[in-house]
Amino acid sequence: MKDVNLLIWLAQLGISVAVPLVGFILLGVWLHNSHGWGFWVVIAGIILGISGGISGLRSSLQYLNKASKSDDEDNPSVISYNDHD
């Protein structure tokens, strides 16, 4: 079951990074081609896509870190530095 959860989180991580990047770039290209806006809108789409991808990566990694810490606290067999006799 743990392997399935890790596989799901790996897919979620990929989606969190790829969708904003691709979406904003495609939006910039569409605005450039359909409305005749300058090439600056494509560059803005790239910048927004990269920042959105970084934000998705950061939030996914924070949640994964928090989930791994809660798993360690729930597992009494794990002995930390201050818990041993």
C-alpha atoms as a PDB file:
ATOM      1  CA  MET A   1       0.000   0.000   0.000  1.00  0.00           C
ATOM      2  CA  LYS A   2       2.878   2.345   0.749  1.00  0.00           C
ATOM      3  CA  ASP A   3       4.285   1.835  -2.760  1.00  0.00           C
ATOM      4  CA  VAL A   4       0.942   2.841  -4.267  1.00  0.00           C
ATOM      5  CA  ASN A   5       0.871   6.002  -2.142  1.00  0.00           C
ATOM      6  CA  LEU A   6       4.395   6.898  -3.250  1.00  0.00           C
ATOM      7  CA  LEU A   7       3.436   6.311  -6.876  1.00  0.00           C
ATOM      8  CA  ILE A   8       0.404   8.572  -6.461  1.00  0.00           C
ATOM      9  CA  TRP A   9       2.552  11.298  -4.887  1.00  0.00           C
ATOM     10  CA  LEU A  10       5.091  11.002  -7.676  1.00  0.00           C
ATOM     11  CA  ALA A  11       2.330  11.512 -10.239  1.00  0.00           C
ATOM     12  CA  GLN A  12       0.938  14.437  -8.223  1.00  0.00           C
ATOM     13  CA  LEU A  13       4.377  16.011  -8.072  1.00  0.00           C
ATOM     14  CA  GLY A  14       4.751  15.748 -11.840  1.00  0.00           C
ATOM     15  CA  ILE A  15       1.316  17.242 -12.405  1.00  0.00           C
ATOM     16  CA  SER A  16       1.962  20.055  -9.921  1.00  0.00           C
ATOM     17  CA  VAL A  17       5.094  21.061 -11.811  1.00  0.00           C
ATOM     18  CA  ALA A  18       4.106  20.368 -15.439  1.00  0.00           C
ATOM     19  CA  VAL A  19       0.553  21.734 -15.631  1.00  0.00           C
ATOM     20  CA  PRO A  20       1.323  25.346 -14.619  1.00  0.00           C
ATOM     21  CA  LEU A  21       4.414  25.425 -16.828  1.00  0.00           C
ATOM     22  CA  VAL A  22       2.702  24.049 -19.935  1.00  0.00           C
ATOM     23  CA  GLY A  23      -0.554  25.895 -19.272  1.00  0.00           C
ATOM     24  CA  PHE A  24       0.975  29.358 -18.981  1.00  0.00           C
ATOM     25  CA  ILE A  25       3.251  28.827 -21.974  1.00  0.00           C
ATOM     26  CA  LEU A  26       0.324  27.670 -24.114  1.00  0.00           C
ATOM     27  CA  LEU A  27      -1.750  30.620 -22.904  1.00  0.00           C
ATOM     28  CA  GLY A  28       1.043  33.009 -23.865  1.00  0.00           C
ATOM     29  CA  VAL A  29       1.425  31.435 -27.310  1.00  0.00           C
ATOM     30  CA  TRP A  30      -2.356  31.506 -27.856  1.00  0.00           C
ATOM     31  CA  LEU A  31      -2.581  35.187 -26.868  1.00  0.00           C
ATOM     32  CA  HIS A  32       0.353  35.984 -29.149  1.00  0.00           C
ATOM     33  CA  ASN A  33      -1.122  34.151 -32.146  1.00  0.00           C
ATOM     34  CA  SER A  34      -4.826  34.901 -31.791  1.00  0.00           C
ATOM     35  CA  HIS A  35      -4.782  38.488 -30.529  1.00  0.00           C
ATOM     36  CA  GLY A  36      -1.559  39.645 -32.157  1.00  0.00           C
ATOM     37  CA  TRP A  37       0.052  40.641 -28.887  1.00  0.00           C
ATOM     38  CA  GLY A  38       3.808  40.982 -28.830  1.00  0.00           C
ATOM     39  CA  PHE A  39       6.244  38.233 -28.036  1.00  0.00           C
ATOM     40  CA  TRP A  40       6.476  39.616 -24.512  1.00  0.00           C
ATOM     41  CA  VAL A  41       3.294  37.719 -23.617  1.00  0.00           C
ATOM     42  CA  VAL A  42       5.040  34.404 -24.398  1.00  0.00           C
ATOM     43  CA  ILE A  43       7.968  35.410 -22.195  1.00  0.00           C
ATOM     44  CA  ALA A  44       5.536  36.398 -19.438  1.00  0.00           C
ATOM     45  CA  GLY A  45       3.865  32.989 -19.824  1.00  0.00           C
ATOM     46  CA  ILE A  46       7.221  31.264 -19.468  1.00  0.00           C
ATOM     47  CA  ILE A  47       8.055  33.264 -16.339  1.00  0.00           C
ATOM     48  CA  LEU A  48       4.620  32.646 -14.796  1.00  0.00           C
ATOM     49  CA  GLY A  49       4.824  28.960 -15.724  1.00  0.00           C
ATOM     50  CA  ILE A  50       8.213  28.523 -14.116  1.00  0.00           C
ATOM     51  CA  SER A  51       7.106  30.317 -10.951  1.00  0.00           C
ATOM     52  CA  GLY A  52       3.904  28.257 -10.831  1.00  0.00           C
ATOM     53  CA  GLY A  53       5.882  25.052 -11.310  1.00  0.00           C
ATOM     54  CA  ILE A  54       8.294  25.999  -8.544  1.00  0.00           C
ATOM     55  CA  SER A  55       5.378  26.826  -6.271  1.00  0.00           C
ATOM     56  CA  GLY A  56       3.743  23.466  -7.006  1.00  0.00           C
ATOM     57  CA  LEU A  57       7.021  21.665  -6.395  1.00  0.00           C
ATOM     58  CA  ARG A  58       7.554  23.500  -3.132  1.00  0.00           C
ATOM     59  CA  SER A  59       4.068  22.823  -1.783  1.00  0.00           C
ATOM     60  CA  SER A  60       4.202  19.147  -2.781  1.00  0.00           C
ATOM     61  CA  LEU A  61       7.581  18.679  -1.127  1.00  0.00           C
ATOM     62  CA  GLN A  62       6.411  20.457   2.033  1.00  0.00           C
ATOM     63  CA  TYR A  63       3.372  18.197   2.266  1.00  0.00           C
ATOM     64  CA  LEU A  64       5.483  15.101   1.623  1.00  0.00           C
ATOM     65  CA  ASN A  65       7.935  16.200   4.312  1.00  0.00           C
ATOM     66  CA  LYS A  66       5.097  16.796   6.764  1.00  0.00           C
ATOM     67  CA  ALA A  67       3.571  13.399   5.949  1.00  0.00           C
ATOM     68  CA  SER A  68       6.887  11.623   6.476  1.00  0.00           C
ATOM     69  CA  LYS A  69       7.364  13.324   9.853  1.00  0.00           C
ATOM     70  CA  SER A  70       3.897  12.286  10.984  1.00  0.00           C
ATOM     71  CA  ASP A  71       4.657   8.703   9.895  1.00  0.00           C
ATOM     72  CA  ASP A  72       7.796   8.750  12.039  1.00  0.00           C
ATOM     73  CA  GLU A  73       5.848  10.021  15.058  1.00  0.00           C
ATOM     74  CA  ASP A  74       3.203   7.319  14.604  1.00  0.00           C
ATOM     75  CA  ASN A  75       5.813   4.562  14.443  1.00  0.00           C
ATOM     76  CA  PRO A  76       6.901   3.704  18.005  1.00  0.00           C
ATOM     77  CA  SER A  77       9.680   1.370  16.803  1.00  0.00           C
ATOM     78  CA  VAL A  78      11.689   4.362  15.601  1.00  0.00           C
ATOM     79  CA  ILE A  79      13.978   5.568  18.385  1.00  0.00           C
ATOM     80  CA  SER A  80      15.239   9.084  18.068  1.00  0.00           C
ATOM     81  CA  TYR A  81      18.244  10.548  19.842  1.00  0.00           C
ATOM     82  CA  ASN A  82      16.339  11.776  22.910  1.00  0.00           C
ATOM     83  CA  ASP A  83      14.008   8.767  23.228  1.00  0.00           C
ATOM     84  CA  HIS A  84      16.478   5.991  24.019  1.00  0.00           C
ATOM     85  CA  ASP A  85      17.120   4.756  27.573  1.00  0.00           C
END
